Amino acid sequence: MEKTVFEKNNIRSYVKDVIAGKIEKLKNFIEFTLEASREIKKTPKYDSIREEMQEEIYQMQRQLGALHDLRRNMAKVLNNPTGRVQLGSLVITNKARFYISVSLGEFFFEGDRFYAISSESPMAQKMMGMKPGDEFTLNKIHQKIVEVL
């Protein structure tokens, strides 16, 4: 991978915006489903339809809780430059780019692929404390840390 200049603050803001967008979308979906459940007319299948909708609302509320946890955890992620891998680091390896923050998974920022991973993930645990030039192997994939921001 060629060396590219990344603004960690922009990536941090992007991840926070993605989480906020998901929260907003899920809130709207829950509200829509609640409204739809109120408008169901009494039919022979009324009770079963209403139960299914209540189960769906329950599942969405659980997802919403998880997203709120992500947002809270993201608030703990500092934006300081780091020389070694730690929470808040942007780690560029010869294979991928990792943002040690919250478990959001793959995302694209300004045309580049990143992975937002939590500090508890096996990948982050393997890299913790490492510095540019260090190498590691996880799941039979060997990587070299090129840069830590």
N, C-alpha and C. Protein backbone atom coordinates (compact mmCIF):
# COMPACT_ATOMS: atom_id res chain seq x y z
N MET A 1 0.84 -1.18 0.00
CA MET A 1 0.00 0.00 0.00
C MET A 1 0.88 1.24 0.00
N GLU A 2 0.54 2.17 -0.85
CA GLU A 2 1.31 3.40 -0.87
C GLU A 2 0.94 4.24 0.35
N LYS A 3 1.90 5.06 0.76
CA LYS A 3 1.66 5.90 1.93
C LYS A 3 0.76 7.06 1.54
N THR A 4 -0.34 7.19 2.23
CA THR A 4 -1.30 8.25 1.98
C THR A 4 -1.49 9.02 3.27
N VAL A 5 -1.78 10.28 3.15
CA VAL A 5 -2.03 11.09 4.34
C VAL A 5 -3.49 10.93 4.74
N PHE A 6 -3.72 10.51 5.96
CA PHE A 6 -5.08 10.35 6.46
C PHE A 6 -5.28 11.30 7.63
N GLU A 7 -6.40 11.97 7.65
CA GLU A 7 -6.76 12.83 8.77
C GLU A 7 -7.59 11.99 9.73
N LYS A 8 -6.95 11.58 10.82
CA LYS A 8 -7.65 10.72 11.78
C LYS A 8 -8.91 11.38 12.32
N ASN A 9 -8.87 12.69 12.53
CA ASN A 9 -10.03 13.39 13.05
C ASN A 9 -11.22 13.26 12.09
N ASN A 10 -10.95 13.34 10.79
CA ASN A 10 -12.02 13.19 9.79
C ASN A 10 -12.59 11.77 9.82
N ILE A 11 -11.73 10.79 9.98
CA ILE A 11 -12.19 9.40 10.04
C ILE A 11 -13.02 9.19 11.30
N ARG A 12 -12.56 9.76 12.42
CA ARG A 12 -13.30 9.66 13.68
C ARG A 12 -14.70 10.28 13.52
N SER A 13 -14.74 11.47 12.92
CA SER A 13 -16.03 12.14 12.70
C SER A 13 -16.93 11.32 11.79
N TYR A 14 -16.34 10.72 10.76
CA TYR A 14 -17.11 9.90 9.84
C TYR A 14 -17.74 8.71 10.56
N VAL A 15 -16.95 8.01 11.38
CA VAL A 15 -17.47 6.86 12.13
C VAL A 15 -18.60 7.30 13.06
N LYS A 16 -18.43 8.43 13.74
CA LYS A 16 -19.48 8.94 14.61
C LYS A 16 -20.74 9.27 13.81
N ASP A 17 -20.56 9.84 12.62
CA ASP A 17 -21.71 10.17 11.77
C ASP A 17 -22.43 8.92 11.28
N VAL A 18 -21.66 7.88 10.95
CA VAL A 18 -22.27 6.61 10.51
C VAL A 18 -23.13 6.04 11.63
N ILE A 19 -22.60 6.04 12.84
CA ILE A 19 -23.36 5.52 13.99
C ILE A 19 -24.61 6.35 14.20
N ALA A 20 -24.48 7.68 14.17
CA ALA A 20 -25.64 8.56 14.36
C ALA A 20 -26.68 8.33 13.27
N GLY A 21 -26.23 8.12 12.04
CA GLY A 21 -27.15 7.85 10.93
C GLY A 21 -27.91 6.55 11.13
N LYS A 22 -27.20 5.53 11.59
CA LYS A 22 -27.85 4.24 11.85
C LYS A 22 -28.88 4.36 12.97
N ILE A 23 -28.54 5.13 14.00
CA ILE A 23 -29.47 5.34 15.11
C ILE A 23 -30.73 6.03 14.61
N GLU A 24 -30.55 7.08 13.82
CA GLU A 24 -31.69 7.84 13.31
C GLU A 24 -32.57 6.97 12.41
N LYS A 25 -31.95 6.20 11.54
CA LYS A 25 -32.70 5.33 10.63
C LYS A 25 -33.50 4.30 11.42
N LEU A 26 -32.87 3.71 12.44
CA LEU A 26 -33.55 2.69 13.24
C LEU A 26 -34.70 3.31 14.05
N LYS A 27 -34.50 4.51 14.58
CA LYS A 27 -35.58 5.19 15.30
C LYS A 27 -36.78 5.41 14.38
N ASN A 28 -36.51 5.86 13.17
CA ASN A 28 -37.59 6.07 12.20
C ASN A 28 -38.31 4.77 11.86
N PHE A 29 -37.54 3.70 11.73
CA PHE A 29 -38.12 2.40 11.40
C PHE A 29 -38.99 1.90 12.55
N ILE A 30 -38.52 2.10 13.79
CA ILE A 30 -39.31 1.69 14.96
C ILE A 30 -40.61 2.48 15.00
N GLU A 31 -40.52 3.78 14.79
CA GLU A 31 -41.72 4.63 14.82
C GLU A 31 -42.70 4.21 13.74
N PHE A 32 -42.18 3.93 12.54
CA PHE A 32 -43.04 3.48 11.44
C PHE A 32 -43.74 2.18 11.79
N THR A 33 -43.00 1.24 12.37
CA THR A 33 -43.57 -0.07 12.73
C THR A 33 -44.60 0.09 13.84
N LEU A 34 -44.32 0.95 14.82
CA LEU A 34 -45.29 1.20 15.89
C LEU A 34 -46.59 1.78 15.32
N GLU A 35 -46.44 2.75 14.43
CA GLU A 35 -47.61 3.37 13.80
C GLU A 35 -48.40 2.33 13.00
N ALA A 36 -47.68 1.49 12.27
CA ALA A 36 -48.36 0.46 11.47
C ALA A 36 -49.09 -0.53 12.37
N SER A 37 -48.50 -0.86 13.51
CA SER A 37 -49.15 -1.82 14.41
C SER A 37 -50.43 -1.24 15.01
N ARG A 38 -50.47 0.08 15.17
CA ARG A 38 -51.69 0.72 15.71
C ARG A 38 -52.81 0.74 14.68
N GLU A 39 -52.44 0.71 13.41
CA GLU A 39 -53.44 0.83 12.35
C GLU A 39 -53.98 -0.50 11.84
N ILE A 40 -53.50 -1.59 12.41
CA ILE A 40 -53.98 -2.91 11.97
C ILE A 40 -55.44 -3.06 12.35
N LYS A 41 -56.24 -3.43 11.39
CA LYS A 41 -57.68 -3.63 11.65
C LYS A 41 -57.89 -5.03 12.22
N LYS A 42 -58.94 -5.14 12.97
CA LYS A 42 -59.29 -6.44 13.56
C LYS A 42 -59.65 -7.42 12.44
N THR A 43 -58.83 -8.43 12.31
CA THR A 43 -59.06 -9.49 11.32
C THR A 43 -58.81 -10.82 12.02
N PRO A 44 -59.11 -11.93 11.36
CA PRO A 44 -58.83 -13.23 12.00
C PRO A 44 -57.35 -13.40 12.36
N LYS A 45 -56.45 -12.74 11.61
CA LYS A 45 -55.02 -12.89 11.89
C LYS A 45 -54.45 -11.72 12.71
N TYR A 46 -55.34 -10.92 13.24
CA TYR A 46 -54.95 -9.71 13.96
C TYR A 46 -53.92 -9.97 15.06
N ASP A 47 -54.20 -10.93 15.93
CA ASP A 47 -53.31 -11.18 17.07
C ASP A 47 -51.93 -11.66 16.64
N SER A 48 -51.88 -12.55 15.66
CA SER A 48 -50.57 -13.07 15.24
C SER A 48 -49.76 -11.99 14.52
N ILE A 49 -50.40 -11.16 13.72
CA ILE A 49 -49.69 -10.08 13.04
C ILE A 49 -49.14 -9.08 14.06
N ARG A 50 -49.99 -8.75 15.03
CA ARG A 50 -49.58 -7.80 16.05
C ARG A 50 -48.42 -8.35 16.89
N GLU A 51 -48.46 -9.64 17.21
CA GLU A 51 -47.36 -10.27 17.95
C GLU A 51 -46.06 -10.22 17.16
N GLU A 52 -46.14 -10.51 15.87
CA GLU A 52 -44.94 -10.46 15.02
C GLU A 52 -44.36 -9.05 14.98
N MET A 53 -45.23 -8.06 14.89
CA MET A 53 -44.76 -6.68 14.86
C MET A 53 -44.13 -6.29 16.19
N GLN A 54 -44.72 -6.74 17.29
CA GLN A 54 -44.14 -6.44 18.60
C GLN A 54 -42.76 -7.08 18.74
N GLU A 55 -42.60 -8.30 18.22
CA GLU A 55 -41.30 -8.98 18.25
C GLU A 55 -40.29 -8.20 17.41
N GLU A 56 -40.71 -7.73 16.26
CA GLU A 56 -39.84 -6.94 15.39
C GLU A 56 -39.42 -5.64 16.08
N ILE A 57 -40.36 -4.99 16.74
CA ILE A 57 -40.05 -3.75 17.47
C ILE A 57 -39.05 -4.04 18.59
N TYR A 58 -39.26 -5.13 19.30
CA TYR A 58 -38.34 -5.53 20.38
C TYR A 58 -36.93 -5.72 19.83
N GLN A 59 -36.81 -6.43 18.72
CA GLN A 59 -35.49 -6.67 18.11
C GLN A 59 -34.83 -5.35 17.69
N MET A 60 -35.61 -4.46 17.11
CA MET A 60 -35.05 -3.17 16.68
C MET A 60 -34.62 -2.34 17.89
N GLN A 61 -35.37 -2.43 18.99
CA GLN A 61 -34.99 -1.69 20.20
C GLN A 61 -33.69 -2.23 20.78
N ARG A 62 -33.48 -3.53 20.68
CA ARG A 62 -32.21 -4.12 21.12
C ARG A 62 -31.06 -3.61 20.24
N GLN A 63 -31.29 -3.56 18.93
CA GLN A 63 -30.27 -3.04 18.01
C GLN A 63 -29.98 -1.58 18.32
N LEU A 64 -31.03 -0.83 18.63
CA LEU A 64 -30.87 0.58 18.97
C LEU A 64 -30.02 0.73 20.23
N GLY A 65 -30.26 -0.12 21.21
CA GLY A 65 -29.45 -0.10 22.43
C GLY A 65 -27.98 -0.37 22.13
N ALA A 66 -27.73 -1.32 21.24
CA ALA A 66 -26.35 -1.64 20.85
C ALA A 66 -25.70 -0.46 20.14
N LEU A 67 -26.46 0.23 19.30
CA LEU A 67 -25.93 1.41 18.61
C LEU A 67 -25.64 2.55 19.59
N HIS A 68 -26.49 2.71 20.59
CA HIS A 68 -26.23 3.72 21.63
C HIS A 68 -24.95 3.37 22.40
N ASP A 69 -24.74 2.07 22.65
CA ASP A 69 -23.49 1.64 23.30
C ASP A 69 -22.29 2.00 22.44
N LEU A 70 -22.41 1.77 21.12
CA LEU A 70 -21.32 2.13 20.21
C LEU A 70 -21.03 3.62 20.30
N ARG A 71 -22.08 4.43 20.31
CA ARG A 71 -21.89 5.88 20.37
C ARG A 71 -21.21 6.29 21.69
N ARG A 72 -21.64 5.67 22.79
CA ARG A 72 -21.00 5.96 24.08
C ARG A 72 -19.53 5.55 24.07
N ASN A 73 -19.26 4.37 23.53
CA ASN A 73 -17.88 3.89 23.47
C ASN A 73 -17.03 4.76 22.54
N MET A 74 -17.63 5.25 21.48
CA MET A 74 -16.91 6.11 20.55
C MET A 74 -16.51 7.42 21.22
N ALA A 75 -17.30 7.87 22.16
CA ALA A 75 -16.98 9.11 22.89
C ALA A 75 -15.71 8.94 23.72
N LYS A 76 -15.37 7.71 24.08
CA LYS A 76 -14.17 7.42 24.88
C LYS A 76 -12.91 7.35 24.02
N VAL A 77 -13.10 7.27 22.71
CA VAL A 77 -11.95 7.14 21.80
C VAL A 77 -11.31 8.51 21.62
N LEU A 78 -10.07 8.62 22.06
CA LEU A 78 -9.36 9.89 21.97
C LEU A 78 -8.82 10.08 20.56
N ASN A 79 -8.51 11.31 20.24
CA ASN A 79 -8.05 11.63 18.90
C ASN A 79 -6.56 12.02 18.89
N ASN A 80 -5.85 11.72 19.97
CA ASN A 80 -4.45 12.09 20.06
C ASN A 80 -3.60 11.25 19.12
N PRO A 81 -2.52 11.84 18.60
CA PRO A 81 -1.60 11.03 17.79
C PRO A 81 -0.95 9.97 18.68
N THR A 82 -0.76 8.80 18.15
CA THR A 82 -0.17 7.72 18.94
C THR A 82 1.02 7.14 18.19
N GLY A 83 2.06 6.81 18.91
CA GLY A 83 3.24 6.19 18.30
C GLY A 83 3.13 4.69 18.30
N ARG A 84 2.36 4.19 19.24
CA ARG A 84 2.12 2.75 19.36
C ARG A 84 0.62 2.50 19.27
N VAL A 85 0.27 1.29 18.88
CA VAL A 85 -1.15 0.95 18.71
C VAL A 85 -1.85 0.95 20.06
N GLN A 86 -2.96 1.68 20.12
CA GLN A 86 -3.80 1.75 21.32
C GLN A 86 -5.18 2.18 20.87
N LEU A 87 -6.11 2.27 21.82
CA LEU A 87 -7.46 2.73 21.51
C LEU A 87 -7.36 4.11 20.87
N GLY A 88 -7.98 4.29 19.73
CA GLY A 88 -7.94 5.56 19.02
C GLY A 88 -6.91 5.60 17.90
N SER A 89 -6.09 4.58 17.80
CA SER A 89 -5.06 4.56 16.75
C SER A 89 -5.66 4.24 15.39
N LEU A 90 -5.08 4.86 14.39
CA LEU A 90 -5.34 4.49 13.00
C LEU A 90 -4.10 3.73 12.57
N VAL A 91 -4.28 2.44 12.29
CA VAL A 91 -3.15 1.58 11.99
C VAL A 91 -3.18 1.21 10.51
N ILE A 92 -2.10 1.54 9.82
CA ILE A 92 -1.96 1.20 8.41
C ILE A 92 -0.97 0.05 8.33
N THR A 93 -1.44 -1.09 7.82
CA THR A 93 -0.54 -2.22 7.61
C THR A 93 -0.32 -2.37 6.10
N ASN A 94 0.51 -3.32 5.74
CA ASN A 94 0.74 -3.56 4.32
C ASN A 94 -0.46 -4.24 3.65
N LYS A 95 -1.47 -4.61 4.43
CA LYS A 95 -2.65 -5.28 3.88
C LYS A 95 -3.96 -4.51 4.07
N ALA A 96 -4.06 -3.71 5.12
CA ALA A 96 -5.34 -3.05 5.43
C ALA A 96 -5.13 -1.83 6.32
N ARG A 97 -6.23 -1.12 6.53
CA ARG A 97 -6.24 0.05 7.42
C ARG A 97 -7.25 -0.22 8.53
N PHE A 98 -6.80 -0.09 9.78
CA PHE A 98 -7.65 -0.38 10.93
C PHE A 98 -7.78 0.86 11.81
N TYR A 99 -9.01 1.16 12.20
CA TYR A 99 -9.26 2.23 13.15
C TYR A 99 -9.69 1.57 14.45
N ILE A 100 -8.82 1.61 15.46
CA ILE A 100 -9.09 0.95 16.73
C ILE A 100 -10.06 1.85 17.51
N SER A 101 -11.32 1.49 17.50
CA SER A 101 -12.34 2.35 18.11
C SER A 101 -13.51 1.52 18.59
N VAL A 102 -14.48 1.29 17.71
CA VAL A 102 -15.65 0.48 18.02
C VAL A 102 -15.83 -0.56 16.91
N SER A 103 -16.58 -1.57 17.21
CA SER A 103 -16.79 -2.66 16.27
C SER A 103 -17.87 -2.28 15.25
N LEU A 104 -17.45 -1.55 14.22
CA LEU A 104 -18.38 -1.12 13.18
C LEU A 104 -18.15 -1.90 11.90
N GLY A 105 -16.98 -2.51 11.77
CA GLY A 105 -16.68 -3.29 10.58
C GLY A 105 -16.13 -2.45 9.45
N GLU A 106 -16.32 -2.96 8.25
CA GLU A 106 -15.76 -2.32 7.06
C GLU A 106 -16.51 -1.04 6.70
N PHE A 107 -15.76 -0.02 6.31
CA PHE A 107 -16.37 1.20 5.78
C PHE A 107 -15.42 1.83 4.79
N PHE A 108 -15.96 2.65 3.93
CA PHE A 108 -15.15 3.35 2.93
C PHE A 108 -15.15 4.83 3.26
N PHE A 109 -13.96 5.40 3.26
CA PHE A 109 -13.81 6.83 3.54
C PHE A 109 -12.90 7.42 2.48
N GLU A 110 -13.43 8.39 1.76
CA GLU A 110 -12.69 9.05 0.67
C GLU A 110 -12.06 8.04 -0.28
N GLY A 111 -12.83 7.00 -0.61
CA GLY A 111 -12.38 6.02 -1.58
C GLY A 111 -11.47 4.93 -1.05
N ASP A 112 -11.12 4.98 0.22
CA ASP A 112 -10.25 3.97 0.82
C ASP A 112 -11.05 3.08 1.77
N ARG A 113 -10.66 1.81 1.82
CA ARG A 113 -11.33 0.84 2.69
C ARG A 113 -10.67 0.84 4.06
N PHE A 114 -11.49 0.91 5.09
CA PHE A 114 -11.03 0.86 6.47
C PHE A 114 -11.83 -0.19 7.22
N TYR A 115 -11.31 -0.58 8.37
CA TYR A 115 -12.04 -1.47 9.27
C TYR A 115 -12.04 -0.82 10.65
N ALA A 116 -13.22 -0.50 11.15
CA ALA A 116 -13.35 0.00 12.51
C ALA A 116 -13.51 -1.22 13.40
N ILE A 117 -12.51 -1.44 14.27
CA ILE A 117 -12.53 -2.62 15.14
C ILE A 117 -12.40 -2.17 16.59
N SER A 118 -12.99 -2.95 17.48
CA SER A 118 -12.90 -2.60 18.90
C SER A 118 -11.54 -3.04 19.43
N SER A 119 -11.16 -2.43 20.54
CA SER A 119 -9.86 -2.78 21.14
C SER A 119 -9.86 -4.19 21.71
N GLU A 120 -11.06 -4.79 21.86
CA GLU A 120 -11.15 -6.17 22.37
C GLU A 120 -11.06 -7.21 21.25
N SER A 121 -11.10 -6.78 20.00
CA SER A 121 -11.08 -7.74 18.89
C SER A 121 -9.72 -8.44 18.84
N PRO A 122 -9.69 -9.67 18.32
CA PRO A 122 -8.41 -10.39 18.22
C PRO A 122 -7.35 -9.61 17.42
N MET A 123 -7.78 -8.94 16.35
CA MET A 123 -6.83 -8.18 15.54
C MET A 123 -6.22 -7.05 16.35
N ALA A 124 -7.06 -6.28 17.05
CA ALA A 124 -6.55 -5.17 17.86
C ALA A 124 -5.67 -5.68 19.00
N GLN A 125 -6.09 -6.77 19.63
CA GLN A 125 -5.30 -7.34 20.71
C GLN A 125 -3.91 -7.74 20.22
N LYS A 126 -3.85 -8.29 19.03
CA LYS A 126 -2.58 -8.72 18.44
C LYS A 126 -1.67 -7.51 18.18
N MET A 127 -2.26 -6.38 17.77
CA MET A 127 -1.48 -5.20 17.41
C MET A 127 -1.16 -4.28 18.58
N MET A 128 -1.89 -4.39 19.70
CA MET A 128 -1.73 -3.46 20.82
C MET A 128 -0.26 -3.32 21.23
N GLY A 129 0.14 -2.05 21.36
CA GLY A 129 1.50 -1.76 21.81
C GLY A 129 2.55 -1.79 20.70
N MET A 130 2.18 -2.26 19.52
CA MET A 130 3.15 -2.33 18.43
C MET A 130 3.38 -0.95 17.82
N LYS A 131 4.48 -0.83 17.09
CA LYS A 131 4.84 0.42 16.45
C LYS A 131 5.15 0.16 14.97
N PRO A 132 5.28 1.21 14.17
CA PRO A 132 5.61 1.00 12.75
C PRO A 132 6.87 0.15 12.60
N GLY A 133 6.79 -0.79 11.67
CA GLY A 133 7.90 -1.71 11.44
C GLY A 133 7.68 -3.07 12.08
N ASP A 134 6.82 -3.13 13.11
CA ASP A 134 6.53 -4.41 13.77
C ASP A 134 5.67 -5.27 12.84
N GLU A 135 5.83 -6.59 12.98
CA GLU A 135 5.07 -7.54 12.16
C GLU A 135 4.32 -8.50 13.06
N PHE A 136 3.22 -9.04 12.53
CA PHE A 136 2.43 -10.01 13.27
C PHE A 136 1.70 -10.91 12.29
N THR A 137 1.24 -12.05 12.82
CA THR A 137 0.47 -12.99 12.02
C THR A 137 -0.79 -13.34 12.80
N LEU A 138 -1.93 -13.25 12.11
CA LEU A 138 -3.21 -13.62 12.70
C LEU A 138 -3.99 -14.38 11.65
N ASN A 139 -4.50 -15.53 12.01
CA ASN A 139 -5.24 -16.39 11.08
C ASN A 139 -4.43 -16.67 9.81
N LYS A 140 -3.16 -16.95 10.01
CA LYS A 140 -2.24 -17.30 8.92
C LYS A 140 -2.02 -16.16 7.92
N ILE A 141 -2.36 -14.93 8.31
CA ILE A 141 -2.13 -13.77 7.46
C ILE A 141 -1.07 -12.91 8.14
N HIS A 142 0.06 -12.75 7.44
CA HIS A 142 1.18 -11.99 7.98
C HIS A 142 1.04 -10.53 7.55
N GLN A 143 1.19 -9.62 8.50
CA GLN A 143 1.07 -8.19 8.20
C GLN A 143 2.22 -7.42 8.86
N LYS A 144 2.56 -6.33 8.22
CA LYS A 144 3.59 -5.44 8.77
C LYS A 144 2.93 -4.07 8.99
N ILE A 145 3.15 -3.51 10.16
CA ILE A 145 2.60 -2.20 10.46
C ILE A 145 3.46 -1.14 9.77
N VAL A 146 2.82 -0.36 8.91
CA VAL A 146 3.51 0.66 8.16
C VAL A 146 3.48 1.99 8.91
N GLU A 147 2.31 2.29 9.49
CA GLU A 147 2.13 3.58 10.14
C GLU A 147 1.10 3.46 11.25
N VAL A 148 1.33 4.22 12.33
CA VAL A 148 0.37 4.31 13.44
C VAL A 148 0.11 5.80 13.67
N LEU A 149 -1.14 6.21 13.49
CA LEU A 149 -1.51 7.62 13.68
C LEU A 149 -2.38 7.77 14.90
